[in-house]
């Protein structure tokens, strides 16, 4: 799926009666490879040589929390995921999707075919897996499916009051790994939507999902570090208190010894 560079555009309105929606893949006003972009080139003019093209560098982080990385030299989603994987020393298969300028699972900020030079890329990686049994009580499940252009289909919208909306453990951003044991890795959004639509009404089916990794794990690490720091500080204070108690006991013994000596001398007079 080619990526274009340019000013951000608003996401297209959701088509409520469809259960499949692709990520935008049109070229923007500035191509990744050159100044002004392919769309700005006049017909008949060849693109500038690679040596004359400016370096377009983007900042990126993992959505669950990480140092900031710098990536460049990508022209489509798969190359982008590879660059992100290299920057954070992870497998590109771990990247589910990317959002622009927010670490939250916000489908209005989903990276599609438009990316600006000022955009900050947040990569959402695989988190907890879960298996859910769903009873299809209605023809429409209330899902809008999209895919990342690299083989993963995931939930973009859940219609309020729908069959899926009543199952609280299914959330926007969850990747659909399989339906009734049939793997969906490598399928496009419309293929997944068709499979869901073709499931018979009045039957139960099984979904295997993977949710985006949450920042909770990072918070747990921070809380653990703070707890360890507090433990060592309390341990140090306790040690100081014990030493002070020992000093007070020694001082008291010395005082009592001195008092007894003075009392004995007075008795001898």
Protein backbone atom coordinates (compact mmCIF):
# COMPACT_ATOMS: atom_id res chain seq x y z
CA UNK A 1 0.00 0.00 0.00
CA UNK A 2 1.79 3.20 -1.10
CA UNK A 3 2.20 6.04 1.35
CA UNK A 4 2.02 9.70 0.45
CA UNK A 5 3.26 12.73 2.30
CA UNK A 6 1.31 15.91 2.69
CA UNK A 7 -1.10 17.70 4.91
CA UNK A 8 -3.32 15.48 6.97
CA UNK A 9 -6.81 14.96 5.66
CA UNK A 10 -9.88 14.05 7.65
CA UNK A 11 -10.78 10.38 7.59
CA UNK A 12 -13.64 9.53 5.22
CA UNK A 13 -17.04 9.18 6.87
CA UNK A 14 -17.95 5.73 8.09
CA UNK A 15 -20.33 3.83 5.87
CA UNK A 16 -22.71 2.38 8.43
CA UNK A 17 -24.16 -0.36 6.24
CA UNK A 18 -20.81 -1.86 5.37
CA UNK A 19 -18.77 -4.22 7.49
CA UNK A 20 -15.52 -3.66 5.65
CA UNK A 21 -13.54 -0.50 5.30
CA UNK A 22 -10.02 -0.24 3.87
CA UNK A 23 -7.23 2.00 5.05
CA UNK A 24 -6.74 4.85 2.61
CA UNK A 25 -3.96 4.22 0.16
CA UNK A 26 -3.95 7.25 -2.14
CA UNK A 27 -0.81 9.26 -2.70
CA UNK A 28 -0.58 12.55 -0.87
CA UNK A 29 0.75 15.90 -2.00
CA UNK A 30 4.36 14.92 -1.36
CA UNK A 31 5.76 11.52 -2.22
CA UNK A 32 8.07 9.76 0.19
CA UNK A 33 10.85 9.84 -2.31
CA UNK A 34 10.98 13.41 -3.49
CA UNK A 35 10.35 17.09 -2.93
CA UNK A 36 6.90 18.18 -3.97
CA UNK A 37 5.81 14.59 -4.48
CA UNK A 38 4.88 12.51 -7.46
CA UNK A 39 1.49 14.21 -7.63
CA UNK A 40 3.21 17.57 -8.11
CA UNK A 41 5.40 16.43 -11.00
CA UNK A 42 4.33 17.58 -14.43
CA UNK A 43 3.52 14.90 -17.01
CA UNK A 44 6.54 13.79 -18.97
CA UNK A 45 9.13 14.89 -16.40
CA UNK A 46 11.20 12.09 -14.82
CA UNK A 47 11.52 11.97 -11.03
CA UNK A 48 14.68 13.52 -9.57
CA UNK A 49 17.62 11.17 -8.98
CA UNK A 50 17.91 9.59 -5.56
CA UNK A 51 21.05 11.62 -4.76
CA UNK A 52 19.09 14.87 -5.09
CA UNK A 53 16.11 13.77 -3.04
CA UNK A 54 15.92 15.16 0.52
CA UNK A 55 16.09 12.83 3.50
CA UNK A 56 12.66 12.60 5.07
CA UNK A 57 13.06 11.54 8.68
CA UNK A 58 10.12 10.71 10.95
CA UNK A 59 9.93 10.28 14.71
CA UNK A 60 8.26 7.19 16.11
CA UNK A 61 7.51 5.45 19.40
CA UNK A 62 5.86 2.24 20.49
CA UNK A 63 2.36 3.05 21.71
CA UNK A 64 2.86 1.23 25.02
CA UNK A 65 5.88 3.41 25.76
CA UNK A 66 9.45 3.47 24.45
CA UNK A 67 12.31 5.81 23.60
CA UNK A 68 11.83 7.88 20.46
CA UNK A 69 13.19 6.35 17.26
CA UNK A 70 13.95 7.93 13.89
CA UNK A 71 12.97 6.19 10.67
CA UNK A 72 13.36 7.02 6.99
CA UNK A 73 13.50 5.47 3.55
CA UNK A 74 10.10 3.75 3.36
CA UNK A 75 7.57 3.97 0.54
CA UNK A 76 4.79 1.64 1.71
CA UNK A 77 3.31 0.15 4.85
CA UNK A 78 5.39 -3.03 4.87
CA UNK A 79 8.62 -1.03 4.54
CA UNK A 80 7.39 1.28 7.32
CA UNK A 81 6.78 -1.67 9.64
CA UNK A 82 10.23 -3.05 8.82
CA UNK A 83 11.83 0.30 9.68
CA UNK A 84 9.92 0.47 12.96
CA UNK A 85 10.98 -3.09 13.78
CA UNK A 86 14.63 -2.21 13.12
CA UNK A 87 14.40 0.92 15.26
CA UNK A 88 13.07 -0.96 18.30
CA UNK A 89 14.71 -4.35 17.73
CA UNK A 90 11.43 -6.24 17.37
CA UNK A 91 9.89 -8.39 14.65
CA UNK A 92 7.92 -6.53 11.99
CA UNK A 93 5.18 -9.15 12.49
CA UNK A 94 4.59 -7.64 15.95
CA UNK A 95 3.37 -4.34 14.47
CA UNK A 96 -0.43 -4.32 14.11
CA UNK A 97 -1.09 -0.75 12.95
CA UNK A 98 0.07 2.82 13.47
CA UNK A 99 -1.65 5.99 14.64
CA UNK A 100 -0.52 9.56 14.07
CA UNK A 101 0.18 11.96 16.94
CA UNK A 102 -1.51 9.83 19.61
CA UNK A 103 -0.58 6.66 21.47
CA UNK A 104 -4.26 5.81 21.97
CA UNK A 105 -6.19 3.31 19.85
CA UNK A 106 -7.94 6.12 17.97
CA UNK A 107 -9.22 4.95 14.60
CA UNK A 108 -9.69 8.56 13.48
CA UNK A 109 -5.89 8.92 13.74
CA UNK A 110 -5.13 5.67 11.93
CA UNK A 111 -2.17 5.89 9.56
CA UNK A 112 -3.48 5.39 6.03
CA UNK A 113 -2.28 6.90 2.79
CA UNK A 114 -1.45 10.35 4.16
CA UNK A 115 1.43 11.32 6.42
CA UNK A 116 2.90 14.76 7.00
CA UNK A 117 6.45 15.70 7.88
CA UNK A 118 5.22 17.01 11.23
CA UNK A 119 3.41 13.77 12.12
CA UNK A 120 4.62 11.59 14.99
CA UNK A 121 4.13 7.87 14.36
CA UNK A 122 2.97 5.58 17.17
CA UNK A 123 3.25 1.84 16.46
CA UNK A 124 0.75 -0.47 18.16
CA UNK A 125 2.16 -3.95 18.70
CA UNK A 126 0.62 -7.30 19.57
CA UNK A 127 -0.55 -7.73 23.14
CA UNK A 128 -2.75 -10.27 24.88
CA UNK A 129 -4.47 -13.00 22.88
CA UNK A 130 -8.05 -13.97 23.64
CA UNK A 131 -10.63 -16.45 22.40
CA UNK A 132 -14.30 -15.50 22.38
CA UNK A 133 -17.44 -17.46 21.55
CA UNK A 134 -20.09 -15.32 19.85
CA UNK A 135 -23.73 -16.24 19.32
CA UNK A 136 -24.90 -14.68 16.05
CA UNK A 137 -28.40 -13.62 17.06
CA UNK A 138 -28.67 -11.08 14.23
CA UNK A 139 -27.56 -10.97 10.61
CA UNK A 140 -25.31 -7.95 11.19
CA UNK A 141 -22.69 -8.20 13.92
CA UNK A 142 -22.08 -4.45 14.02
CA UNK A 143 -18.41 -4.57 13.04
CA UNK A 144 -16.44 -2.40 10.68
CA UNK A 145 -13.29 -4.20 9.57
CA UNK A 146 -10.14 -2.69 8.11
CA UNK A 147 -6.65 -4.05 7.48
CA UNK A 148 -3.16 -2.68 7.78
CA UNK A 149 -2.05 -3.54 4.25
CA UNK A 150 0.42 -6.08 5.63
CA UNK A 151 -1.83 -9.05 6.30
CA UNK A 152 -3.65 -8.14 9.52
CA UNK A 153 -7.38 -7.38 9.64
CA UNK A 154 -8.66 -5.65 12.76
CA UNK A 155 -11.76 -4.01 14.19
CA UNK A 156 -12.14 -0.35 13.29
CA UNK A 157 -15.65 0.33 14.56
CA UNK A 158 -18.22 -1.39 16.76
CA UNK A 159 -21.81 -0.26 16.32
CA UNK A 160 -23.50 0.70 19.56
CA UNK A 161 -26.06 -1.83 20.72
CA UNK A 162 -24.91 -4.48 18.25
CA UNK A 163 -24.14 -8.16 18.90
CA UNK A 164 -20.41 -7.44 19.30
CA UNK A 165 -21.03 -4.33 21.40
CA UNK A 166 -22.70 -6.52 24.02
CA UNK A 167 -19.50 -8.58 24.35
CA UNK A 168 -17.37 -6.31 26.48
CA UNK A 169 -14.06 -8.08 25.96
CA UNK A 170 -14.08 -7.37 22.21
CA UNK A 171 -12.69 -3.90 21.53
CA UNK A 172 -11.79 -1.55 18.72
CA UNK A 173 -8.24 -2.28 17.58
CA UNK A 174 -8.44 -6.03 18.20
CA UNK A 175 -6.85 -8.04 15.39
CA UNK A 176 -8.92 -10.95 14.10
CA UNK A 177 -6.58 -13.94 13.93
CA UNK A 178 -9.08 -16.65 13.07
CA UNK A 179 -12.76 -17.54 12.76
CA UNK A 180 -13.72 -21.06 13.83
CA UNK A 181 -10.08 -22.08 13.60
CA UNK A 182 -9.54 -20.73 10.07
CA UNK A 183 -6.55 -18.39 10.04
CA UNK A 184 -7.14 -14.91 8.65
CA UNK A 185 -3.51 -13.83 8.58
CA UNK A 186 -2.88 -12.44 5.12
CA UNK A 187 -6.57 -11.81 4.37
CA UNK A 188 -7.92 -8.42 3.32
CA UNK A 189 -10.67 -6.65 5.22
CA UNK A 190 -13.37 -7.50 2.69
CA UNK A 191 -12.53 -11.21 2.88
CA UNK A 192 -12.88 -11.17 6.65
CA UNK A 193 -16.13 -9.19 6.44
CA UNK A 194 -17.54 -11.71 3.97
CA UNK A 195 -16.67 -14.63 6.23
CA UNK A 196 -18.42 -12.94 9.15
CA UNK A 197 -21.44 -12.13 7.02
CA UNK A 198 -21.70 -15.70 5.71
CA UNK A 199 -21.79 -17.21 9.18
CA UNK A 200 -25.26 -18.70 9.78
CA UNK A 201 -27.63 -16.81 12.04
CA UNK A 202 -28.56 -18.59 15.24
CA UNK A 203 -25.19 -20.36 15.54
CA UNK A 204 -22.21 -19.84 17.82
CA UNK A 205 -18.79 -19.18 16.31
CA UNK A 206 -15.33 -18.72 17.79
CA UNK A 207 -13.13 -15.66 17.31
CA UNK A 208 -9.44 -15.61 18.15
CA UNK A 209 -8.32 -12.04 18.69
CA UNK A 210 -5.14 -10.19 19.61
CA UNK A 211 -5.47 -6.84 21.31
CA UNK A 212 -2.90 -4.03 21.04
CA UNK A 213 -0.32 -4.02 23.80
CA UNK A 214 -1.32 -1.64 26.55
CA UNK A 215 0.91 0.74 28.45
CA UNK A 216 -0.10 -1.03 31.69
CA UNK A 217 3.01 -3.18 31.50
CA UNK A 218 5.22 -0.11 31.39
CA UNK A 219 3.33 1.38 34.35
CA UNK A 220 3.89 -1.84 36.27
CA UNK A 221 7.63 -1.57 35.67
CA UNK A 222 7.61 2.05 36.85
CA UNK A 223 5.56 1.15 39.93
CA UNK A 224 7.92 -1.73 40.70
CA UNK A 225 10.93 0.59 40.47
CA UNK A 226 9.22 3.13 42.73
CA UNK A 227 8.33 0.39 45.21
CA UNK A 228 11.93 -0.83 45.26
CA UNK A 229 13.18 2.71 45.81
CA UNK A 230 10.70 3.20 48.65
CA UNK A 231 11.75 -0.13 50.17
CA UNK A 232 15.43 0.81 50.19
CA UNK A 233 14.66 4.24 51.64
CA UNK A 234 12.51 2.72 54.41
CA UNK A 235 15.18 0.11 55.07
CA UNK A 236 17.81 2.84 55.39
CA UNK A 237 15.61 4.85 57.77
CA UNK A 238 14.98 1.74 59.86
CA UNK A 239 18.73 1.06 60.00
CA UNK A 240 19.39 4.63 61.13
CA UNK A 241 16.64 4.34 63.75
CA UNK A 242 18.13 1.10 65.11
CA UNK A 243 21.60 2.67 65.30
CA UNK A 244 20.18 5.65 67.17
CA UNK A 245 18.43 3.30 69.58
CA UNK A 246 21.71 1.48 70.23
CA UNK A 247 23.46 4.79 70.84
CA UNK A 248 20.73 5.86 73.24
CA UNK A 249 21.01 2.55 75.13
CA UNK A 250 24.81 2.89 75.36
CA UNK A 251 24.47 6.50 76.50
CA UNK A 252 21.96 5.45 79.13
CA UNK A 253 24.26 2.67 80.38
CA UNK A 254 27.17 5.09 80.55
CA UNK A 255 25.00 7.60 82.38
CA UNK A 256 23.82 4.98 84.87
CA UNK A 257 27.40 3.76 85.41
CA UNK A 258 28.62 7.29 86.03
CA UNK A 259 25.72 8.01 88.37
CA UNK A 260 26.44 4.82 90.35
CA UNK A 261 30.13 5.76 90.67
CA UNK A 262 29.24 9.23 91.94
CA UNK A 263 26.73 7.73 94.38
CA UNK A 264 29.33 5.25 95.65
CA UNK A 265 31.90 8.00 96.18
CA UNK A 266 29.39 10.04 98.14
CA UNK A 267 28.69 7.06 100.36
CA UNK A 268 32.40 6.65 101.13
CA UNK A 269 32.74 10.19 102.41
